[in-house]
Amino acid sequence: MERGSYNFIYTELVKSEDDILEIIAYSLYKRQKIEFVKSFEARHGRAPADTDLSHFHEVSNSEFQLQAYRNQADKLAQDFLTITLETRAEELENIMMRSLRAK
């Protein structure tokens, strides 16, 4: 959904400024775009023009790719929570073990 040289993907991915998964999905899009631009510059020795970005925007704005960004964001958040909870559980277990040994 590109209009002129402006890409409206932010409004496609982020419906609420408070939804962290939507913000993460948008950041995944931005990371992919940065990688595309760097790769383009390495191959062509110049920054891509708007016309060079049109295929990237077409693919990245497809419903399939938008859902892929959302799915990746969900997985990243789940992985982060899992690691955080596991780390916290280990910390609490260590505290309990030290407490029991001290008695």
PDB file of N, CA and C in Angstrom:
ATOM      1  N   MET A   1       0.834  -1.176   0.000  1.00  0.00           N
ATOM      2  CA  MET A   1       0.000   0.000   0.000  1.00  0.00           C
ATOM      3  C   MET A   1       0.879   1.240   0.000  1.00  0.00           C
ATOM      4  N   GLU A   2       1.539   1.469  -1.092  1.00  0.00           N
ATOM      5  CA  GLU A   2       2.424   2.606  -1.228  1.00  0.00           C
ATOM      6  C   GLU A   2       1.735   3.681  -2.051  1.00  0.00           C
ATOM      7  N   ARG A   3       1.787   4.904  -1.587  1.00  0.00           N
ATOM      8  CA  ARG A   3       1.188   6.020  -2.317  1.00  0.00           C
ATOM      9  C   ARG A   3       2.296   7.023  -2.597  1.00  0.00           C
ATOM     10  N   GLY A   4       2.604   7.209  -3.869  1.00  0.00           N
ATOM     11  CA  GLY A   4       3.720   8.068  -4.212  1.00  0.00           C
ATOM     12  C   GLY A   4       4.988   7.428  -3.690  1.00  0.00           C
ATOM     13  N   SER A   5       5.833   8.202  -3.013  1.00  0.00           N
ATOM     14  CA  SER A   5       7.054   7.631  -2.449  1.00  0.00           C
ATOM     15  C   SER A   5       6.892   7.335  -0.962  1.00  0.00           C
ATOM     16  N   TYR A   6       5.693   7.491  -0.439  1.00  0.00           N
ATOM     17  CA  TYR A   6       5.464   7.243   0.979  1.00  0.00           C
ATOM     18  C   TYR A   6       4.834   5.875   1.173  1.00  0.00           C
ATOM     19  N   ASN A   7       5.377   5.119   2.103  1.00  0.00           N
ATOM     20  CA  ASN A   7       4.901   3.769   2.385  1.00  0.00           C
ATOM     21  C   ASN A   7       4.057   3.825   3.666  1.00  0.00           C
ATOM     22  N   PHE A   8       2.849   3.342   3.608  1.00  0.00           N
ATOM     23  CA  PHE A   8       1.928   3.405   4.735  1.00  0.00           C
ATOM     24  C   PHE A   8       1.940   2.136   5.588  1.00  0.00           C
ATOM     25  N   ILE A   9       3.038   1.396   5.575  1.00  0.00           N
ATOM     26  CA  ILE A   9       3.087   0.129   6.302  1.00  0.00           C
ATOM     27  C   ILE A   9       2.930   0.333   7.811  1.00  0.00           C
ATOM     28  N   TYR A  10       3.387   1.463   8.329  1.00  0.00           N
ATOM     29  CA  TYR A  10       3.241   1.706   9.771  1.00  0.00           C
ATOM     30  C   TYR A  10       1.773   1.601  10.175  1.00  0.00           C
ATOM     31  N   THR A  11       0.902   2.239   9.411  1.00  0.00           N
ATOM     32  CA  THR A  11      -0.525   2.214   9.764  1.00  0.00           C
ATOM     33  C   THR A  11      -1.145   0.840   9.515  1.00  0.00           C
ATOM     34  N   GLU A  12      -0.511   0.031   8.674  1.00  0.00           N
ATOM     35  CA  GLU A  12      -0.981  -1.341   8.461  1.00  0.00           C
ATOM     36  C   GLU A  12      -0.616  -2.235   9.638  1.00  0.00           C
ATOM     37  N   LEU A  13       0.565  -2.018  10.196  1.00  0.00           N
ATOM     38  CA  LEU A  13       1.052  -2.876  11.276  1.00  0.00           C
ATOM     39  C   LEU A  13       0.696  -2.364  12.669  1.00  0.00           C
ATOM     40  N   VAL A  14       0.667  -1.061  12.846  1.00  0.00           N
ATOM     41  CA  VAL A  14       0.454  -0.486  14.173  1.00  0.00           C
ATOM     42  C   VAL A  14      -0.914   0.173  14.222  1.00  0.00           C
ATOM     43  N   LYS A  15      -1.825  -0.526  14.859  1.00  0.00           N
ATOM     44  CA  LYS A  15      -3.195   0.003  15.015  1.00  0.00           C
ATOM     45  C   LYS A  15      -3.347   0.738  16.342  1.00  0.00           C
ATOM     46  N   SER A  16      -2.488   0.378  17.314  1.00  0.00           N
ATOM     47  CA  SER A  16      -2.531   1.001  18.636  1.00  0.00           C
ATOM     48  C   SER A  16      -1.101   1.259  19.098  1.00  0.00           C
ATOM     49  N   GLU A  17      -0.830   2.486  19.485  1.00  0.00           N
ATOM     50  CA  GLU A  17       0.510   2.854  19.966  1.00  0.00           C
ATOM     51  C   GLU A  17       0.886   2.093  21.237  1.00  0.00           C
ATOM     52  N   ASP A  18      -0.087   1.489  21.902  1.00  0.00           N
ATOM     53  CA  ASP A  18       0.147   0.769  23.146  1.00  0.00           C
ATOM     54  C   ASP A  18       0.404  -0.721  22.926  1.00  0.00           C
ATOM     55  N   ASP A  19       0.283  -1.194  21.695  1.00  0.00           N
ATOM     56  CA  ASP A  19       0.443  -2.621  21.415  1.00  0.00           C
ATOM     57  C   ASP A  19       1.895  -2.918  21.065  1.00  0.00           C
ATOM     58  N   ILE A  20       2.617  -3.501  22.018  1.00  0.00           N
ATOM     59  CA  ILE A  20       4.039  -3.746  21.841  1.00  0.00           C
ATOM     60  C   ILE A  20       4.311  -4.713  20.700  1.00  0.00           C
ATOM     61  N   LEU A  21       3.435  -5.688  20.487  1.00  0.00           N
ATOM     62  CA  LEU A  21       3.640  -6.637  19.385  1.00  0.00           C
ATOM     63  C   LEU A  21       3.572  -5.927  18.036  1.00  0.00           C
ATOM     64  N   GLU A  22       2.681  -4.968  17.903  1.00  0.00           N
ATOM     65  CA  GLU A  22       2.591  -4.216  16.655  1.00  0.00           C
ATOM     66  C   GLU A  22       3.837  -3.365  16.440  1.00  0.00           C
ATOM     67  N   ILE A  23       4.354  -2.770  17.504  1.00  0.00           N
ATOM     68  CA  ILE A  23       5.583  -1.972  17.412  1.00  0.00           C
ATOM     69  C   ILE A  23       6.759  -2.874  17.027  1.00  0.00           C
ATOM     70  N   ILE A  24       6.841  -4.056  17.621  1.00  0.00           N
ATOM     71  CA  ILE A  24       7.905  -5.004  17.278  1.00  0.00           C
ATOM     72  C   ILE A  24       7.774  -5.430  15.817  1.00  0.00           C
ATOM     73  N   ALA A  25       6.554  -5.701  15.359  1.00  0.00           N
ATOM     74  CA  ALA A  25       6.337  -6.087  13.958  1.00  0.00           C
ATOM     75  C   ALA A  25       6.848  -4.998  13.021  1.00  0.00           C
ATOM     76  N   TYR A  26       6.564  -3.748  13.359  1.00  0.00           N
ATOM     77  CA  TYR A  26       7.044  -2.638  12.528  1.00  0.00           C
ATOM     78  C   TYR A  26       8.569  -2.564  12.555  1.00  0.00           C
ATOM     79  N   SER A  27       9.163  -2.799  13.697  1.00  0.00           N
ATOM     80  CA  SER A  27      10.629  -2.758  13.765  1.00  0.00           C
ATOM     81  C   SER A  27      11.252  -3.889  12.944  1.00  0.00           C
ATOM     82  N   LEU A  28      10.570  -5.023  12.848  1.00  0.00           N
ATOM     83  CA  LEU A  28      11.055  -6.116  11.995  1.00  0.00           C
ATOM     84  C   LEU A  28      11.015  -5.703  10.524  1.00  0.00           C
ATOM     85  N   TYR A  29       9.960  -5.015  10.131  1.00  0.00           N
ATOM     86  CA  TYR A  29       9.886  -4.473   8.769  1.00  0.00           C
ATOM     87  C   TYR A  29      11.057  -3.520   8.529  1.00  0.00           C
ATOM     88  N   LYS A  30      11.294  -2.606   9.469  1.00  0.00           N
ATOM     89  CA  LYS A  30      12.369  -1.626   9.306  1.00  0.00           C
ATOM     90  C   LYS A  30      13.736  -2.317   9.220  1.00  0.00           C
ATOM     91  N   ARG A  31      13.944  -3.351  10.019  1.00  0.00           N
ATOM     92  CA  ARG A  31      15.205  -4.096   9.962  1.00  0.00           C
ATOM     93  C   ARG A  31      15.377  -4.723   8.583  1.00  0.00           C
ATOM     94  N   GLN A  32      14.304  -5.313   8.057  1.00  0.00           N
ATOM     95  CA  GLN A  32      14.378  -5.930   6.735  1.00  0.00           C
ATOM     96  C   GLN A  32      14.657  -4.877   5.661  1.00  0.00           C
ATOM     97  N   LYS A  33      14.065  -3.709   5.787  1.00  0.00           N
ATOM     98  CA  LYS A  33      14.289  -2.642   4.810  1.00  0.00           C
ATOM     99  C   LYS A  33      15.739  -2.153   4.871  1.00  0.00           C
ATOM    100  N   ILE A  34      16.268  -2.009   6.068  1.00  0.00           N
ATOM    101  CA  ILE A  34      17.666  -1.588   6.211  1.00  0.00           C
ATOM    102  C   ILE A  34      18.593  -2.609   5.568  1.00  0.00           C
ATOM    103  N   GLU A  35      18.326  -3.886   5.786  1.00  0.00           N
ATOM    104  CA  GLU A  35      19.131  -4.939   5.169  1.00  0.00           C
ATOM    105  C   GLU A  35      19.030  -4.866   3.643  1.00  0.00           C
ATOM    106  N   PHE A  36      17.833  -4.616   3.137  1.00  0.00           N
ATOM    107  CA  PHE A  36      17.645  -4.479   1.685  1.00  0.00           C
ATOM    108  C   PHE A  36      18.469  -3.314   1.152  1.00  0.00           C
ATOM    109  N   VAL A  37      18.395  -2.175   1.825  1.00  0.00           N
ATOM    110  CA  VAL A  37      19.116  -0.973   1.377  1.00  0.00           C
ATOM    111  C   VAL A  37      20.619  -1.218   1.403  1.00  0.00           C
ATOM    112  N   LYS A  38      21.135  -1.814   2.471  1.00  0.00           N
ATOM    113  CA  LYS A  38      22.570  -2.095   2.554  1.00  0.00           C
ATOM    114  C   LYS A  38      23.009  -3.047   1.447  1.00  0.00           C
ATOM    115  N   SER A  39      22.213  -4.064   1.204  1.00  0.00           N
ATOM    116  CA  SER A  39      22.527  -5.023   0.144  1.00  0.00           C
ATOM    117  C   SER A  39      22.503  -4.345  -1.223  1.00  0.00           C
ATOM    118  N   PHE A  40      21.514  -3.506  -1.453  1.00  0.00           N
ATOM    119  CA  PHE A  40      21.402  -2.774  -2.715  1.00  0.00           C
ATOM    120  C   PHE A  40      22.632  -1.884  -2.906  1.00  0.00           C
ATOM    121  N   GLU A  41      23.009  -1.162  -1.848  1.00  0.00           N
ATOM    122  CA  GLU A  41      24.173  -0.269  -1.938  1.00  0.00           C
ATOM    123  C   GLU A  41      25.452  -1.044  -2.230  1.00  0.00           C
ATOM    124  N   ALA A  42      25.606  -2.208  -1.615  1.00  0.00           N
ATOM    125  CA  ALA A  42      26.796  -3.031  -1.847  1.00  0.00           C
ATOM    126  C   ALA A  42      26.853  -3.517  -3.301  1.00  0.00           C
ATOM    127  N   ARG A  43      25.701  -3.870  -3.858  1.00  0.00           N
ATOM    128  CA  ARG A  43      25.663  -4.379  -5.235  1.00  0.00           C
ATOM    129  C   ARG A  43      25.788  -3.278  -6.285  1.00  0.00           C
ATOM    130  N   HIS A  44      25.191  -2.110  -5.999  1.00  0.00           N
ATOM    131  CA  HIS A  44      25.097  -1.068  -7.024  1.00  0.00           C
ATOM    132  C   HIS A  44      25.964   0.159  -6.753  1.00  0.00           C
ATOM    133  N   GLY A  45      26.563   0.236  -5.574  1.00  0.00           N
ATOM    134  CA  GLY A  45      27.420   1.370  -5.261  1.00  0.00           C
ATOM    135  C   GLY A  45      26.671   2.677  -5.071  1.00  0.00           C
ATOM    136  N   ARG A  46      25.391   2.587  -4.800  1.00  0.00           N
ATOM    137  CA  ARG A  46      24.580   3.796  -4.571  1.00  0.00           C
ATOM    138  C   ARG A  46      23.360   3.424  -3.749  1.00  0.00           C
ATOM    139  N   ALA A  47      22.758   4.447  -3.165  1.00  0.00           N
ATOM    140  CA  ALA A  47      21.519   4.225  -2.418  1.00  0.00           C
ATOM    141  C   ALA A  47      20.382   3.968  -3.398  1.00  0.00           C
ATOM    142  N   PRO A  48      19.419   3.162  -2.998  1.00  0.00           N
ATOM    143  CA  PRO A  48      18.297   2.906  -3.909  1.00  0.00           C
ATOM    144  C   PRO A  48      17.385   4.126  -4.056  1.00  0.00           C
ATOM    145  N   ALA A  49      16.927   4.338  -5.280  1.00  0.00           N
ATOM    146  CA  ALA A  49      15.932   5.379  -5.546  1.00  0.00           C
ATOM    147  C   ALA A  49      14.558   4.802  -5.223  1.00  0.00           C
ATOM    148  N   ASP A  50      13.544   5.651  -5.200  1.00  0.00           N
ATOM    149  CA  ASP A  50      12.183   5.184  -4.920  1.00  0.00           C
ATOM    150  C   ASP A  50      11.774   4.048  -5.853  1.00  0.00           C
ATOM    151  N   THR A  51      12.151   4.156  -7.118  1.00  0.00           N
ATOM    152  CA  THR A  51      11.790   3.099  -8.070  1.00  0.00           C
ATOM    153  C   THR A  51      12.481   1.785  -7.723  1.00  0.00           C
ATOM    154  N   ASP A  52      13.686   1.856  -7.149  1.00  0.00           N
ATOM    155  CA  ASP A  52      14.406   0.646  -6.750  1.00  0.00           C
ATOM    156  C   ASP A  52      13.743  -0.021  -5.549  1.00  0.00           C
ATOM    157  N   LEU A  53      13.061   0.764  -4.743  1.00  0.00           N
ATOM    158  CA  LEU A  53      12.395   0.238  -3.546  1.00  0.00           C
ATOM    159  C   LEU A  53      10.987  -0.281  -3.830  1.00  0.00           C
ATOM    160  N   SER A  54      10.476  -0.029  -5.021  1.00  0.00           N
ATOM    161  CA  SER A  54       9.076  -0.366  -5.287  1.00  0.00           C
ATOM    162  C   SER A  54       8.798  -1.863  -5.134  1.00  0.00           C
ATOM    163  N   HIS A  55       9.682  -2.721  -5.634  1.00  0.00           N
ATOM    164  CA  HIS A  55       9.447  -4.166  -5.484  1.00  0.00           C
ATOM    165  C   HIS A  55       9.510  -4.569  -4.010  1.00  0.00           C
ATOM    166  N   PHE A  56      10.482  -4.024  -3.269  1.00  0.00           N
ATOM    167  CA  PHE A  56      10.573  -4.316  -1.841  1.00  0.00           C
ATOM    168  C   PHE A  56       9.274  -3.937  -1.141  1.00  0.00           C
ATOM    169  N   HIS A  57       8.760  -2.744  -1.432  1.00  0.00           N
ATOM    170  CA  HIS A  57       7.521  -2.287  -0.800  1.00  0.00           C
ATOM    171  C   HIS A  57       6.337  -3.163  -1.201  1.00  0.00           C
ATOM    172  N   GLU A  58       6.316  -3.571  -2.439  1.00  0.00           N
ATOM    173  CA  GLU A  58       5.222  -4.427  -2.911  1.00  0.00           C
ATOM    174  C   GLU A  58       5.193  -5.742  -2.133  1.00  0.00           C
ATOM    175  N   VAL A  59       6.356  -6.343  -1.965  1.00  0.00           N
ATOM    176  CA  VAL A  59       6.443  -7.614  -1.243  1.00  0.00           C
ATOM    177  C   VAL A  59       6.194  -7.407   0.253  1.00  0.00           C
ATOM    178  N   SER A  60       6.827  -6.411   0.842  1.00  0.00           N
ATOM    179  CA  SER A  60       6.721  -6.209   2.291  1.00  0.00           C
ATOM    180  C   SER A  60       5.321  -5.780   2.715  1.00  0.00           C
ATOM    181  N   ASN A  61       4.557  -5.229   1.808  1.00  0.00           N
ATOM    182  CA  ASN A  61       3.197  -4.790   2.122  1.00  0.00           C
ATOM    183  C   ASN A  61       2.138  -5.837   1.789  1.00  0.00           C
ATOM    184  N   SER A  62       2.556  -6.987   1.293  1.00  0.00           N
ATOM    185  CA  SER A  62       1.571  -8.029   0.991  1.00  0.00           C
ATOM    186  C   SER A  62       0.983  -8.547   2.302  1.00  0.00           C
ATOM    187  N   GLU A  63      -0.239  -9.018   2.249  1.00  0.00           N
ATOM    188  CA  GLU A  63      -0.889  -9.510   3.470  1.00  0.00           C
ATOM    189  C   GLU A  63      -0.098 -10.664   4.082  1.00  0.00           C
ATOM    190  N   PHE A  64       0.480 -11.500   3.221  1.00  0.00           N
ATOM    191  CA  PHE A  64       1.304 -12.617   3.705  1.00  0.00           C
ATOM    192  C   PHE A  64       2.483 -12.100   4.518  1.00  0.00           C
ATOM    193  N   GLN A  65       3.195 -11.096   3.987  1.00  0.00           N
ATOM    194  CA  GLN A  65       4.374 -10.572   4.682  1.00  0.00           C
ATOM    195  C   GLN A  65       3.987  -9.801   5.935  1.00  0.00           C
ATOM    196  N   LEU A  66       2.888  -9.057   5.890  1.00  0.00           N
ATOM    197  CA  LEU A  66       2.424  -8.353   7.092  1.00  0.00           C
ATOM    198  C   LEU A  66       2.147  -9.355   8.211  1.00  0.00           C
ATOM    199  N   GLN A  67       1.509 -10.473   7.859  1.00  0.00           N
ATOM    200  CA  GLN A  67       1.237 -11.503   8.863  1.00  0.00           C
ATOM    201  C   GLN A  67       2.531 -12.143   9.343  1.00  0.00           C
ATOM    202  N   ALA A  68       3.508 -12.281   8.455  1.00  0.00           N
ATOM    203  CA  ALA A  68       4.813 -12.835   8.847  1.00  0.00           C
ATOM    204  C   ALA A  68       5.491 -11.923   9.865  1.00  0.00           C
ATOM    205  N   TYR A  69       5.431 -10.597   9.665  1.00  0.00           N
ATOM    206  CA  TYR A  69       5.990  -9.657  10.653  1.00  0.00           C
ATOM    207  C   TYR A  69       5.281  -9.829  12.001  1.00  0.00           C
ATOM    208  N   ARG A  70       3.960  -9.949  11.966  1.00  0.00           N
ATOM    209  CA  ARG A  70       3.192 -10.132  13.209  1.00  0.00           C
ATOM    210  C   ARG A  70       3.562 -11.433  13.907  1.00  0.00           C
ATOM    211  N   ASN A  71       3.689 -12.507  13.127  1.00  0.00           N
ATOM    212  CA  ASN A  71       4.059 -13.803  13.703  1.00  0.00           C
ATOM    213  C   ASN A  71       5.456 -13.768  14.305  1.00  0.00           C
ATOM    214  N   GLN A  72       6.399 -13.138  13.604  1.00  0.00           N
ATOM    215  CA  GLN A  72       7.761 -13.005  14.128  1.00  0.00           C
ATOM    216  C   GLN A  72       7.762 -12.197  15.424  1.00  0.00           C
ATOM    217  N   ALA A  73       6.990 -11.131  15.461  1.00  0.00           N
ATOM    218  CA  ALA A  73       6.911 -10.296  16.664  1.00  0.00           C
ATOM    219  C   ALA A  73       6.377 -11.106  17.835  1.00  0.00           C
ATOM    220  N   ASP A  74       5.344 -11.895  17.579  1.00  0.00           N
ATOM    221  CA  ASP A  74       4.758 -12.728  18.623  1.00  0.00           C
ATOM    222  C   ASP A  74       5.781 -13.735  19.143  1.00  0.00           C
ATOM    223  N   LYS A  75       6.507 -14.366  18.231  1.00  0.00           N
ATOM    224  CA  LYS A  75       7.518 -15.353  18.637  1.00  0.00           C
ATOM    225  C   LYS A  75       8.634 -14.692  19.438  1.00  0.00           C
ATOM    226  N   LEU A  76       9.119 -13.537  18.991  1.00  0.00           N
ATOM    227  CA  LEU A  76      10.160 -12.819  19.735  1.00  0.00           C
ATOM    228  C   LEU A  76       9.695 -12.474  21.144  1.00  0.00           C
ATOM    229  N   ALA A  77       8.461 -12.001  21.262  1.00  0.00           N
ATOM    230  CA  ALA A  77       7.927 -11.644  22.578  1.00  0.00           C
ATOM    231  C   ALA A  77       7.788 -12.883  23.459  1.00  0.00           C
ATOM    232  N   GLN A  78       7.303 -13.977  22.890  1.00  0.00           N
ATOM    233  CA  GLN A  78       7.173 -15.209  23.663  1.00  0.00           C
ATOM    234  C   GLN A  78       8.539 -15.716  24.118  1.00  0.00           C
ATOM    235  N   ASP A  79       9.513 -15.685  23.215  1.00  0.00           N
ATOM    236  CA  ASP A  79      10.870 -16.116  23.573  1.00  0.00           C
ATOM    237  C   ASP A  79      11.454 -15.242  24.685  1.00  0.00           C
ATOM    238  N   PHE A  80      11.236 -13.928  24.567  1.00  0.00           N
ATOM    239  CA  PHE A  80      11.726 -13.006  25.580  1.00  0.00           C
ATOM    240  C   PHE A  80      11.096 -13.309  26.936  1.00  0.00           C
ATOM    241  N   LEU A  81       9.785 -13.505  26.949  1.00  0.00           N
ATOM    242  CA  LEU A  81       9.100 -13.805  28.207  1.00  0.00           C
ATOM    243  C   LEU A  81       9.557 -15.137  28.797  1.00  0.00           C
ATOM    244  N   THR A  82       9.735 -16.123  27.961  1.00  0.00           N
ATOM    245  CA  THR A  82      10.195 -17.428  28.425  1.00  0.00           C
ATOM    246  C   THR A  82      11.569 -17.311  29.072  1.00  0.00           C
ATOM    247  N   ILE A  83      12.480 -16.644  28.393  1.00  0.00           N
ATOM    248  CA  ILE A  83      13.836 -16.472  28.931  1.00  0.00           C
ATOM    249  C   ILE A  83      13.798 -15.680  30.227  1.00  0.00           C
ATOM    250  N   THR A  84      12.998 -14.623  30.251  1.00  0.00           N
ATOM    251  CA  THR A  84      12.891 -13.790  31.446  1.00  0.00           C
ATOM    252  C   THR A  84      12.328 -14.591  32.623  1.00  0.00           C
ATOM    253  N   LEU A  85      11.273 -15.343  32.374  1.00  0.00           N
ATOM    254  CA  LEU A  85      10.669 -16.135  33.442  1.00  0.00           C
ATOM    255  C   LEU A  85      11.601 -17.252  33.914  1.00  0.00           C
ATOM    256  N   GLU A  86      12.301 -17.894  32.986  1.00  0.00           N
ATOM    257  CA  GLU A  86      13.242 -18.944  33.369  1.00  0.00           C
ATOM    258  C   GLU A  86      14.379 -18.374  34.209  1.00  0.00           C
ATOM    259  N   THR A  87      14.879 -17.207  33.798  1.00  0.00           N
ATOM    260  CA  THR A  87      15.955 -16.559  34.551  1.00  0.00           C
ATOM    261  C   THR A  87      15.479 -16.184  35.945  1.00  0.00           C
ATOM    262  N   ARG A  88      14.285 -15.627  36.024  1.00  0.00           N
ATOM    263  CA  ARG A  88      13.736 -15.237  37.335  1.00  0.00           C
ATOM    264  C   ARG A  88      13.502 -16.460  38.214  1.00  0.00           C
ATOM    265  N   ALA A  89      13.013 -17.544  37.621  1.00  0.00           N
ATOM    266  CA  ALA A  89      12.786 -18.778  38.384  1.00  0.00           C
ATOM    267  C   ALA A  89      14.111 -19.308  38.928  1.00  0.00           C
ATOM    268  N   GLU A  90      15.163 -19.266  38.127  1.00  0.00           N
ATOM    269  CA  GLU A  90      16.486 -19.707  38.592  1.00  0.00           C
ATOM    270  C   GLU A  90      16.981 -18.826  39.743  1.00  0.00           C
ATOM    271  N   GLU A  91      16.778 -17.522  39.607  1.00  0.00           N
ATOM    272  CA  GLU A  91      17.186 -16.604  40.672  1.00  0.00           C
ATOM    273  C   GLU A  91      16.452 -16.917  41.965  1.00  0.00           C
ATOM    274  N   LEU A  92      15.145 -17.128  41.880  1.00  0.00           N
ATOM    275  CA  LEU A  92      14.362 -17.437  43.074  1.00  0.00           C
ATOM    276  C   LEU A  92      14.767 -18.778  43.669  1.00  0.00           C
ATOM    277  N   GLU A  93      15.050 -19.742  42.820  1.00  0.00           N
ATOM    278  CA  GLU A  93      15.502 -21.043  43.304  1.00  0.00           C
ATOM    279  C   GLU A  93      16.825 -20.906  44.040  1.00  0.00           C
ATOM    280  N   ASN A  94      17.742 -20.119  43.502  1.00  0.00           N
ATOM    281  CA  ASN A  94      19.030 -19.901  44.164  1.00  0.00           C
ATOM    282  C   ASN A  94      18.856 -19.202  45.513  1.00  0.00           C
ATOM    283  N   ILE A  95      17.952 -18.241  45.558  1.00  0.00           N
ATOM    284  CA  ILE A  95      17.682 -17.541  46.818  1.00  0.00           C
ATOM    285  C   ILE A  95      17.137 -18.523  47.853  1.00  0.00           C
ATOM    286  N   MET A  96      16.198 -19.349  47.422  1.00  0.00           N
ATOM    287  CA  MET A  96      15.608 -20.340  48.338  1.00  0.00           C
ATOM    288  C   MET A  96      16.649 -21.342  48.823  1.00  0.00           C
ATOM    289  N   MET A  97      17.501 -21.800  47.930  1.00  0.00           N
ATOM    290  CA  MET A  97      18.532 -22.772  48.301  1.00  0.00           C
ATOM    291  C   MET A  97      19.515 -22.153  49.306  1.00  0.00           C
ATOM    292  N   ARG A  98      19.914 -20.912  49.063  1.00  0.00           N
ATOM    293  CA  ARG A  98      20.819 -20.235  50.010  1.00  0.00           C
ATOM    294  C   ARG A  98      20.141 -20.064  51.363  1.00  0.00           C
ATOM    295  N   SER A  99      18.854 -19.728  51.310  1.00  0.00           N
ATOM    296  CA  SER A  99      18.089 -19.556  52.543  1.00  0.00           C
ATOM    297  C   SER A  99      18.000 -20.850  53.330  1.00  0.00           C
ATOM    298  N   LEU A 100      17.767 -21.939  52.638  1.00  0.00           N
ATOM    299  CA  LEU A 100      17.680 -23.238  53.298  1.00  0.00           C
ATOM    300  C   LEU A 100      19.031 -23.668  53.863  1.00  0.00           C
ATOM    301  N   ARG A 101      20.094 -23.397  53.156  1.00  0.00           N
ATOM    302  CA  ARG A 101      21.449 -23.761  53.643  1.00  0.00           C
ATOM    303  C   ARG A 101      21.839 -22.946  54.859  1.00  0.00           C
ATOM    304  N   ALA A 102      21.346 -21.692  54.927  1.00  0.00           N
ATOM    305  CA  ALA A 102      21.701 -20.814  56.032  1.00  0.00           C
ATOM    306  C   ALA A 102      21.019 -21.235  57.328  1.00  0.00           C
ATOM    307  N   LYS A 103      19.997 -22.054  57.239  1.00  0.00           N
ATOM    308  CA  LYS A 103      19.257 -22.460  58.450  1.00  0.00           C
ATOM    309  C   LYS A 103      19.876 -23.631  59.117  1.00  0.00           C
TER     310      LYS A 103
END
